[in-house]
N, C-alpha and C. Protein backbone atom coordinates (compact mmCIF):
# COMPACT_ATOMS: atom_id res chain seq x y z
N MET A 1 105.68 99.30 103.48
CA MET A 1 105.86 99.58 102.11
C MET A 1 106.36 98.31 101.41
N ARG A 2 105.68 97.92 100.37
CA ARG A 2 105.99 96.69 99.65
C ARG A 2 107.44 96.74 99.18
N GLY A 3 108.19 95.70 99.44
CA GLY A 3 109.52 95.64 98.97
C GLY A 3 110.59 96.24 99.84
N SER A 4 110.14 96.97 100.92
CA SER A 4 111.15 97.61 101.80
C SER A 4 111.93 96.55 102.58
N GLY A 5 111.30 95.46 102.89
CA GLY A 5 112.02 94.35 103.59
C GLY A 5 112.74 93.44 102.66
N LEU A 6 112.53 93.59 101.39
CA LEU A 6 113.15 92.68 100.38
C LEU A 6 114.68 92.71 100.50
N LEU A 7 115.23 93.85 100.59
CA LEU A 7 116.72 93.97 100.70
C LEU A 7 117.20 93.22 101.89
N ILE A 8 116.58 93.40 103.05
CA ILE A 8 116.99 92.76 104.23
C ILE A 8 116.92 91.21 104.03
N LEU A 9 115.78 90.75 103.51
CA LEU A 9 115.61 89.31 103.28
C LEU A 9 116.63 88.79 102.32
N LEU A 10 116.89 89.48 101.24
CA LEU A 10 117.87 89.01 100.24
C LEU A 10 119.29 88.99 100.92
N LEU A 11 119.63 89.99 101.64
CA LEU A 11 120.93 90.02 102.28
C LEU A 11 121.07 88.94 103.31
N ALA A 12 120.00 88.65 104.08
CA ALA A 12 119.99 87.61 105.13
C ALA A 12 120.18 86.27 104.45
N VAL A 13 119.50 86.02 103.34
CA VAL A 13 119.65 84.75 102.64
C VAL A 13 121.08 84.64 102.05
N PHE A 14 121.54 85.67 101.43
CA PHE A 14 122.88 85.71 100.82
C PHE A 14 123.97 85.48 101.87
N PHE A 15 123.85 86.04 103.03
CA PHE A 15 124.86 85.90 104.06
C PHE A 15 124.58 84.78 105.04
N GLY A 16 123.77 83.84 104.60
CA GLY A 16 123.56 82.64 105.43
C GLY A 16 122.77 82.91 106.69
N GLY A 17 121.86 83.88 106.66
CA GLY A 17 120.98 84.16 107.74
C GLY A 17 121.61 84.98 108.82
N SER A 18 122.86 85.51 108.60
CA SER A 18 123.49 86.37 109.62
C SER A 18 122.66 87.63 109.84
N SER A 19 122.73 88.14 111.02
CA SER A 19 121.96 89.33 111.27
C SER A 19 122.56 90.57 110.58
N ALA A 20 121.80 91.31 109.90
CA ALA A 20 122.26 92.44 109.13
C ALA A 20 121.96 93.70 109.94
N ALA A 21 122.84 94.66 109.94
CA ALA A 21 122.62 95.96 110.56
C ALA A 21 122.30 96.97 109.44
N ILE A 22 121.30 96.72 108.68
CA ILE A 22 120.89 97.64 107.65
C ILE A 22 120.46 98.96 108.28
N CYS A 23 120.94 100.07 107.75
CA CYS A 23 120.48 101.39 108.19
C CYS A 23 119.39 101.90 107.25
N GLU A 24 118.63 102.88 107.76
CA GLU A 24 117.55 103.35 106.95
C GLU A 24 117.30 104.86 107.22
N PHE A 25 116.94 105.53 106.15
CA PHE A 25 116.50 106.92 106.25
C PHE A 25 115.15 106.96 105.59
N ALA A 26 114.17 107.56 106.23
CA ALA A 26 112.81 107.65 105.68
C ALA A 26 112.18 109.05 105.98
N ALA A 27 111.48 109.53 105.00
CA ALA A 27 110.78 110.80 105.23
C ALA A 27 109.61 110.77 104.21
N GLY A 28 108.41 110.88 104.70
CA GLY A 28 107.23 110.84 103.81
C GLY A 28 107.21 109.57 102.98
N ASN A 29 107.14 109.69 101.69
CA ASN A 29 107.13 108.52 100.79
C ASN A 29 108.49 108.09 100.34
N PHE A 30 109.51 108.70 100.88
CA PHE A 30 110.91 108.42 100.51
C PHE A 30 111.56 107.49 101.55
N ARG A 31 112.21 106.42 101.09
CA ARG A 31 112.84 105.53 102.01
C ARG A 31 114.07 104.96 101.27
N VAL A 32 115.20 104.95 101.96
CA VAL A 32 116.42 104.36 101.47
C VAL A 32 117.09 103.55 102.57
N GLN A 33 117.35 102.28 102.22
CA GLN A 33 118.10 101.39 103.10
C GLN A 33 119.48 101.27 102.58
N TYR A 34 120.44 101.15 103.44
CA TYR A 34 121.82 101.08 103.02
C TYR A 34 122.64 100.30 104.06
N GLY A 35 123.69 99.63 103.50
CA GLY A 35 124.55 98.91 104.42
C GLY A 35 125.94 98.69 103.76
N LEU A 36 126.93 98.59 104.63
CA LEU A 36 128.27 98.44 104.22
C LEU A 36 128.68 96.95 104.21
N MET A 37 129.25 96.43 103.14
CA MET A 37 129.80 95.13 103.11
C MET A 37 131.06 95.16 102.41
N GLY A 38 132.14 94.78 103.10
CA GLY A 38 133.47 94.92 102.56
C GLY A 38 133.80 96.36 102.31
N GLN A 39 134.14 96.69 101.12
CA GLN A 39 134.48 98.05 100.70
C GLN A 39 133.35 98.71 99.92
N ASN A 40 132.16 98.16 99.86
CA ASN A 40 131.05 98.68 99.10
C ASN A 40 129.88 98.99 99.98
N ILE A 41 129.13 100.02 99.57
CA ILE A 41 127.89 100.36 100.25
C ILE A 41 126.73 99.99 99.29
N TYR A 42 125.79 99.27 99.84
CA TYR A 42 124.60 98.79 99.03
C TYR A 42 123.39 99.62 99.43
N PHE A 43 122.66 100.07 98.43
CA PHE A 43 121.48 100.89 98.66
C PHE A 43 120.27 100.28 98.08
N GLN A 44 119.10 100.54 98.67
CA GLN A 44 117.78 100.33 98.04
C GLN A 44 116.96 101.55 98.34
N LEU A 45 116.55 102.23 97.30
CA LEU A 45 115.81 103.46 97.37
C LEU A 45 114.42 103.18 96.87
N VAL A 46 113.42 103.69 97.61
CA VAL A 46 112.04 103.58 97.16
C VAL A 46 111.38 104.99 97.34
N LEU A 47 110.70 105.46 96.32
CA LEU A 47 109.93 106.68 96.37
C LEU A 47 108.56 106.33 95.90
N ALA A 48 107.57 106.40 96.79
CA ALA A 48 106.18 106.04 96.40
C ALA A 48 105.32 107.24 96.14
N GLY A 49 104.15 107.02 95.54
CA GLY A 49 103.24 108.10 95.23
C GLY A 49 103.71 109.07 94.13
N VAL A 50 104.43 108.51 93.17
CA VAL A 50 104.98 109.30 92.16
C VAL A 50 104.18 109.26 90.87
N PRO A 51 103.74 110.40 90.34
CA PRO A 51 103.01 110.37 89.07
C PRO A 51 103.93 110.04 87.95
N ASN A 52 103.45 109.57 86.86
CA ASN A 52 104.27 109.21 85.70
C ASN A 52 104.63 110.49 84.97
N THR A 53 105.65 111.16 85.51
CA THR A 53 106.16 112.44 84.97
C THR A 53 107.64 112.44 85.11
N ASN A 54 108.34 113.22 84.34
CA ASN A 54 109.78 113.30 84.45
C ASN A 54 110.17 113.96 85.76
N GLY A 55 111.17 113.51 86.44
CA GLY A 55 111.60 114.14 87.68
C GLY A 55 112.85 113.41 88.23
N TRP A 56 113.38 113.96 89.31
CA TRP A 56 114.53 113.35 89.92
C TRP A 56 114.52 113.39 91.43
N THR A 57 115.26 112.49 92.04
CA THR A 57 115.48 112.48 93.44
C THR A 57 117.02 112.10 93.59
N ALA A 58 117.57 112.19 94.77
CA ALA A 58 119.03 111.96 94.90
C ALA A 58 119.47 111.69 96.31
N ILE A 59 120.65 111.16 96.40
CA ILE A 59 121.43 111.08 97.66
C ILE A 59 122.72 111.74 97.42
N GLY A 60 122.96 112.83 98.24
CA GLY A 60 124.24 113.58 98.07
C GLY A 60 125.09 113.34 99.23
N PHE A 61 126.38 113.42 98.96
CA PHE A 61 127.41 113.12 100.02
C PHE A 61 128.21 114.39 100.18
N GLY A 62 128.18 115.00 101.33
CA GLY A 62 128.86 116.21 101.62
C GLY A 62 128.01 117.18 102.37
N ASN A 63 128.60 118.34 102.79
CA ASN A 63 127.86 119.27 103.59
C ASN A 63 126.90 120.20 102.85
N SER A 64 127.25 120.63 101.65
CA SER A 64 126.41 121.54 100.93
C SER A 64 126.80 121.66 99.43
N MET A 65 125.87 122.23 98.67
CA MET A 65 126.15 122.44 97.29
C MET A 65 127.37 123.43 97.12
N PHE A 66 127.50 124.38 98.09
CA PHE A 66 128.54 125.39 97.98
C PHE A 66 129.91 124.74 98.15
N SER A 67 130.03 123.76 99.03
CA SER A 67 131.32 123.09 99.28
C SER A 67 131.54 121.95 98.28
N GLY A 68 130.50 121.60 97.56
CA GLY A 68 130.57 120.51 96.56
C GLY A 68 129.91 119.25 97.09
N LEU A 69 129.05 118.67 96.28
CA LEU A 69 128.32 117.44 96.67
C LEU A 69 128.66 116.35 95.58
N ASP A 70 128.97 115.19 96.03
CA ASP A 70 129.06 113.97 95.30
C ASP A 70 127.58 113.48 95.34
N VAL A 71 126.96 113.24 94.17
CA VAL A 71 125.51 112.99 94.12
C VAL A 71 125.22 111.70 93.27
N ILE A 72 124.37 110.83 93.87
CA ILE A 72 123.79 109.73 93.10
C ILE A 72 122.39 110.22 92.78
N VAL A 73 122.16 110.42 91.46
CA VAL A 73 120.85 110.99 90.99
C VAL A 73 120.06 109.84 90.41
N ILE A 74 118.77 109.79 90.81
CA ILE A 74 117.84 108.86 90.34
C ILE A 74 116.75 109.61 89.54
N ARG A 75 116.74 109.39 88.20
CA ARG A 75 115.87 110.13 87.31
C ARG A 75 114.73 109.22 86.86
N LEU A 76 113.52 109.78 86.83
CA LEU A 76 112.39 109.08 86.13
C LEU A 76 112.25 109.93 84.84
N LEU A 77 112.57 109.29 83.72
CA LEU A 77 112.55 110.00 82.46
C LEU A 77 111.80 109.10 81.47
N ASN A 78 110.65 109.62 81.00
CA ASN A 78 109.79 108.91 80.08
C ASN A 78 109.50 107.47 80.56
N GLY A 79 109.17 107.37 81.84
CA GLY A 79 108.70 106.15 82.41
C GLY A 79 109.84 105.16 82.76
N ARG A 80 111.06 105.52 82.56
CA ARG A 80 112.23 104.67 82.85
C ARG A 80 113.07 105.31 83.95
N VAL A 81 113.69 104.47 84.78
CA VAL A 81 114.48 104.98 85.86
C VAL A 81 115.97 104.84 85.51
N HIS A 82 116.72 105.96 85.69
CA HIS A 82 118.14 105.99 85.41
C HIS A 82 118.91 106.41 86.71
N VAL A 83 120.02 105.75 87.01
CA VAL A 83 120.77 106.04 88.16
C VAL A 83 122.19 106.48 87.69
N THR A 84 122.61 107.67 88.14
CA THR A 84 123.89 108.24 87.64
C THR A 84 124.70 108.76 88.83
N ASP A 85 126.05 108.79 88.63
CA ASP A 85 126.99 109.33 89.56
C ASP A 85 127.37 110.73 89.03
N GLU A 86 127.12 111.74 89.85
CA GLU A 86 127.41 113.16 89.38
C GLU A 86 128.02 114.00 90.49
N TYR A 87 128.36 115.18 90.15
CA TYR A 87 128.94 116.14 91.06
C TYR A 87 128.40 117.51 90.84
N VAL A 88 128.20 118.27 91.94
CA VAL A 88 127.70 119.64 91.78
C VAL A 88 128.42 120.53 92.80
N ARG A 89 128.76 121.74 92.37
CA ARG A 89 129.32 122.75 93.23
C ARG A 89 128.61 124.01 92.97
N GLY A 90 127.93 124.62 93.95
CA GLY A 90 127.19 125.85 93.76
C GLY A 90 125.82 125.60 93.12
N HIS A 91 125.13 126.69 92.86
CA HIS A 91 123.81 126.60 92.22
C HIS A 91 123.95 126.48 90.70
N THR A 92 124.27 125.29 90.26
CA THR A 92 124.41 125.01 88.87
C THR A 92 124.04 123.60 88.62
N HIS A 93 124.00 123.20 87.36
CA HIS A 93 123.64 121.77 87.03
C HIS A 93 124.76 120.89 87.43
N PRO A 94 124.46 119.70 87.95
CA PRO A 94 125.49 118.72 88.25
C PRO A 94 126.07 118.22 86.91
N PHE A 95 127.27 117.69 86.99
CA PHE A 95 127.92 117.02 85.84
C PHE A 95 128.30 115.62 86.17
N PRO A 96 128.12 114.76 85.18
CA PRO A 96 128.52 113.35 85.38
C PRO A 96 130.02 113.27 85.69
N ASP A 97 130.38 112.39 86.67
CA ASP A 97 131.77 112.12 86.93
C ASP A 97 132.08 110.73 86.61
N THR A 98 133.24 110.19 86.92
CA THR A 98 133.55 108.80 86.66
C THR A 98 132.49 107.98 87.34
N ASN A 99 131.88 107.04 86.59
CA ASN A 99 130.78 106.32 87.16
C ASN A 99 131.27 105.28 88.17
N SER A 100 130.95 105.56 89.42
CA SER A 100 131.35 104.66 90.56
C SER A 100 130.18 103.87 91.04
N VAL A 101 129.02 104.01 90.37
CA VAL A 101 127.83 103.33 90.87
C VAL A 101 127.50 102.14 89.96
N SER A 102 127.26 101.02 90.64
CA SER A 102 126.76 99.79 89.93
C SER A 102 125.29 99.56 90.21
N VAL A 103 124.46 99.58 89.24
CA VAL A 103 123.01 99.42 89.39
C VAL A 103 122.63 97.99 89.14
N THR A 104 121.92 97.44 90.11
CA THR A 104 121.42 96.03 90.02
C THR A 104 119.93 95.99 89.60
N ALA A 105 119.15 97.03 89.90
CA ALA A 105 117.75 97.06 89.55
C ALA A 105 117.28 98.49 89.58
N ALA A 106 116.38 98.85 88.67
CA ALA A 106 115.80 100.19 88.63
C ALA A 106 114.47 100.08 87.92
N SER A 107 113.45 100.55 88.54
CA SER A 107 112.13 100.43 87.87
C SER A 107 111.14 101.45 88.38
N TYR A 108 110.10 101.73 87.57
CA TYR A 108 108.95 102.55 87.94
C TYR A 108 107.74 101.69 87.68
N GLN A 109 106.98 101.51 88.73
CA GLN A 109 105.79 100.70 88.53
C GLN A 109 104.75 101.06 89.63
N ASN A 110 103.48 101.23 89.16
CA ASN A 110 102.40 101.56 90.12
C ASN A 110 102.69 102.80 90.98
N GLY A 111 103.27 103.81 90.39
CA GLY A 111 103.54 105.05 91.13
C GLY A 111 104.74 104.94 92.07
N MET A 112 105.56 103.93 91.89
CA MET A 112 106.72 103.73 92.76
C MET A 112 108.03 103.61 92.01
N ILE A 113 109.02 104.44 92.38
CA ILE A 113 110.39 104.32 91.86
C ILE A 113 111.12 103.46 92.83
N MET A 114 111.84 102.44 92.28
CA MET A 114 112.71 101.61 93.07
C MET A 114 113.99 101.52 92.38
N ALA A 115 115.07 101.64 93.17
CA ALA A 115 116.43 101.48 92.57
C ALA A 115 117.33 100.79 93.59
N ARG A 116 118.09 99.76 93.18
CA ARG A 116 119.11 99.12 93.95
C ARG A 116 120.43 99.36 93.29
N PHE A 117 121.39 99.80 94.05
CA PHE A 117 122.70 100.10 93.54
C PHE A 117 123.75 100.05 94.58
N SER A 118 124.97 100.13 94.18
CA SER A 118 126.11 100.10 95.18
C SER A 118 127.21 101.05 94.64
N ARG A 119 128.10 101.37 95.50
CA ARG A 119 129.26 102.16 95.21
C ARG A 119 130.34 101.88 96.22
N PRO A 120 131.64 101.96 95.87
CA PRO A 120 132.68 101.75 96.83
C PRO A 120 132.73 102.90 97.86
N VAL A 121 133.26 102.60 99.05
CA VAL A 121 133.48 103.62 100.04
C VAL A 121 134.55 104.61 99.57
N GLN A 122 135.60 104.13 98.98
CA GLN A 122 136.66 104.94 98.40
C GLN A 122 136.71 104.62 96.88
N THR A 123 136.60 105.61 96.08
CA THR A 123 136.59 105.35 94.63
C THR A 123 137.86 105.76 93.86
N GLY A 124 138.60 106.72 94.49
CA GLY A 124 139.72 107.23 93.76
C GLY A 124 139.38 108.34 92.76
N ASP A 125 138.10 108.66 92.62
CA ASP A 125 137.63 109.78 91.78
C ASP A 125 137.67 111.03 92.63
N PRO A 126 138.30 112.05 92.15
CA PRO A 126 138.41 113.29 92.97
C PRO A 126 137.04 113.95 93.21
N TYR A 127 136.02 113.61 92.47
CA TYR A 127 134.69 114.17 92.67
C TYR A 127 133.80 113.33 93.57
N ASP A 128 134.29 112.14 93.97
CA ASP A 128 133.53 111.30 94.89
C ASP A 128 134.09 111.45 96.30
N HIS A 129 133.21 111.75 97.25
CA HIS A 129 133.55 111.89 98.68
C HIS A 129 133.83 110.48 99.17
N PRO A 130 135.00 110.33 99.96
CA PRO A 130 135.15 109.03 100.67
C PRO A 130 134.05 108.98 101.75
N LEU A 131 133.48 107.82 101.88
CA LEU A 131 132.32 107.71 102.73
C LEU A 131 132.59 106.87 104.02
N GLY A 132 133.86 106.59 104.31
CA GLY A 132 134.15 105.88 105.54
C GLY A 132 133.91 106.75 106.81
N GLY A 133 133.81 106.19 107.96
CA GLY A 133 133.57 106.89 109.16
C GLY A 133 132.22 107.56 109.21
N CYS A 134 132.10 108.74 109.71
CA CYS A 134 130.86 109.47 109.80
C CYS A 134 130.94 110.64 108.86
N SER A 135 129.87 110.86 108.08
CA SER A 135 129.84 111.98 107.14
C SER A 135 128.41 112.37 106.92
N THR A 136 128.18 113.58 106.39
CA THR A 136 126.89 114.12 106.16
C THR A 136 126.39 113.66 104.83
N TRP A 137 125.21 113.09 104.74
CA TRP A 137 124.56 112.67 103.55
C TRP A 137 123.35 113.63 103.34
N GLN A 138 122.93 113.97 102.15
CA GLN A 138 121.81 114.81 101.87
C GLN A 138 120.74 113.99 101.10
N PHE A 139 119.54 113.93 101.59
CA PHE A 139 118.52 113.17 100.93
C PHE A 139 117.45 114.06 100.30
N ALA A 140 117.31 114.02 99.00
CA ALA A 140 116.28 114.77 98.26
C ALA A 140 115.08 113.87 98.28
N THR A 141 114.10 114.20 99.14
CA THR A 141 113.04 113.22 99.50
C THR A 141 111.83 113.22 98.62
N ILE A 142 111.78 114.10 97.64
CA ILE A 142 110.60 114.15 96.74
C ILE A 142 111.08 114.08 95.28
N LEU A 143 110.14 113.94 94.35
CA LEU A 143 110.49 113.95 92.93
C LEU A 143 110.48 115.43 92.54
N ASN A 144 111.64 115.91 92.13
CA ASN A 144 111.82 117.29 91.76
C ASN A 144 111.68 117.45 90.23
N ARG A 145 111.45 118.67 89.78
CA ARG A 145 111.24 118.94 88.37
C ARG A 145 112.53 118.72 87.58
N MET A 146 112.30 118.37 86.31
CA MET A 146 113.43 118.07 85.42
C MET A 146 113.04 118.41 84.03
N GLY A 147 114.01 118.83 83.25
CA GLY A 147 113.77 119.15 81.89
C GLY A 147 113.53 117.92 81.04
N PRO A 148 112.95 118.10 79.85
CA PRO A 148 112.62 116.92 78.96
C PRO A 148 113.92 116.17 78.51
N ASP A 149 115.07 116.86 78.61
CA ASP A 149 116.31 116.17 78.18
C ASP A 149 116.98 115.50 79.39
N GLY A 150 116.40 115.58 80.60
CA GLY A 150 116.95 114.93 81.77
C GLY A 150 117.77 115.88 82.64
N SER A 151 117.84 117.14 82.21
CA SER A 151 118.59 118.13 83.06
C SER A 151 117.81 118.48 84.28
N LEU A 152 118.52 118.58 85.40
CA LEU A 152 117.90 118.77 86.70
C LEU A 152 117.54 120.27 86.91
N TYR A 153 116.37 120.55 87.40
CA TYR A 153 115.99 121.88 87.91
C TYR A 153 116.33 121.87 89.37
N HIS A 154 116.51 123.08 89.91
CA HIS A 154 116.76 123.15 91.35
C HIS A 154 115.71 122.42 92.20
N HIS A 155 116.12 121.81 93.27
CA HIS A 155 115.19 121.08 94.11
C HIS A 155 114.10 121.98 94.59
N SER A 156 112.84 121.40 94.65
CA SER A 156 111.71 122.13 95.09
C SER A 156 111.66 122.20 96.61
N MET A 157 112.27 121.25 97.30
CA MET A 157 112.31 121.17 98.74
C MET A 157 113.75 120.93 99.12
N ARG A 158 114.25 121.66 100.09
CA ARG A 158 115.66 121.51 100.52
C ARG A 158 115.91 120.04 100.91
N PRO A 159 117.05 119.46 100.46
CA PRO A 159 117.36 118.09 100.88
C PRO A 159 117.58 118.02 102.41
N VAL A 160 117.35 116.88 102.91
CA VAL A 160 117.41 116.68 104.37
C VAL A 160 118.83 116.17 104.67
N PRO A 161 119.61 116.90 105.49
CA PRO A 161 120.98 116.43 105.90
C PRO A 161 120.82 115.39 106.99
N HIS A 162 121.72 114.41 106.98
CA HIS A 162 121.67 113.35 107.98
C HIS A 162 123.10 112.83 108.14
N VAL A 163 123.58 112.77 109.34
CA VAL A 163 124.95 112.23 109.56
C VAL A 163 124.82 110.69 109.62
N VAL A 164 125.68 110.07 108.76
CA VAL A 164 125.67 108.62 108.66
C VAL A 164 127.05 108.08 109.11
N CYS A 165 127.05 107.15 110.01
CA CYS A 165 128.28 106.50 110.44
C CYS A 165 128.26 105.07 109.89
N LEU A 166 128.96 104.85 108.86
CA LEU A 166 128.84 103.55 108.14
C LEU A 166 129.13 102.36 108.97
N GLU A 167 130.04 102.43 109.92
CA GLU A 167 130.41 101.28 110.74
C GLU A 167 129.18 100.71 111.47
N GLN A 168 128.16 101.59 111.72
CA GLN A 168 126.92 101.14 112.34
C GLN A 168 126.00 100.41 111.39
N CYS A 169 126.39 100.42 110.06
CA CYS A 169 125.48 99.89 109.05
C CYS A 169 126.20 98.69 108.35
N ARG A 170 127.06 98.02 109.02
CA ARG A 170 127.77 96.88 108.47
C ARG A 170 126.91 95.66 108.33
N ILE A 171 126.87 95.07 107.13
CA ILE A 171 126.09 93.89 106.88
C ILE A 171 126.90 92.71 106.53
């Protein structure tokens, strides 16, 4: 996938060629690479084969919507990509929390959503899950329906849970 190795290359150049232990989760056209550097986690998300329509994908931190999920939502809204920090508990719309996400790039081009962003492991926000050690992450691997105002509709496909141990992803 074009650009999937770009993050590894940029990090290797930035860190003087040191070997990076970038971790990756991929399913279908969805791919996210992530790595821990200092107290921040760096992400590169790519979703390919996306029609130019409004929709969303996400990475959630926590076990389930019922227990509460800290969510980084990536929206494609009117041809533009937006990355937000949100929280959801139960079957309801998520709400924005204190923005702990720093976006370095976000674009939609040739049917591909790409977003590069970071967030601290510990944010101090009561709605953000601390991500040190091993924890369950939830990956919404497709573009889900969304309202014209950017409100999320329930995911069309159940997010894929995956246990992530960040120490294995140190860069």
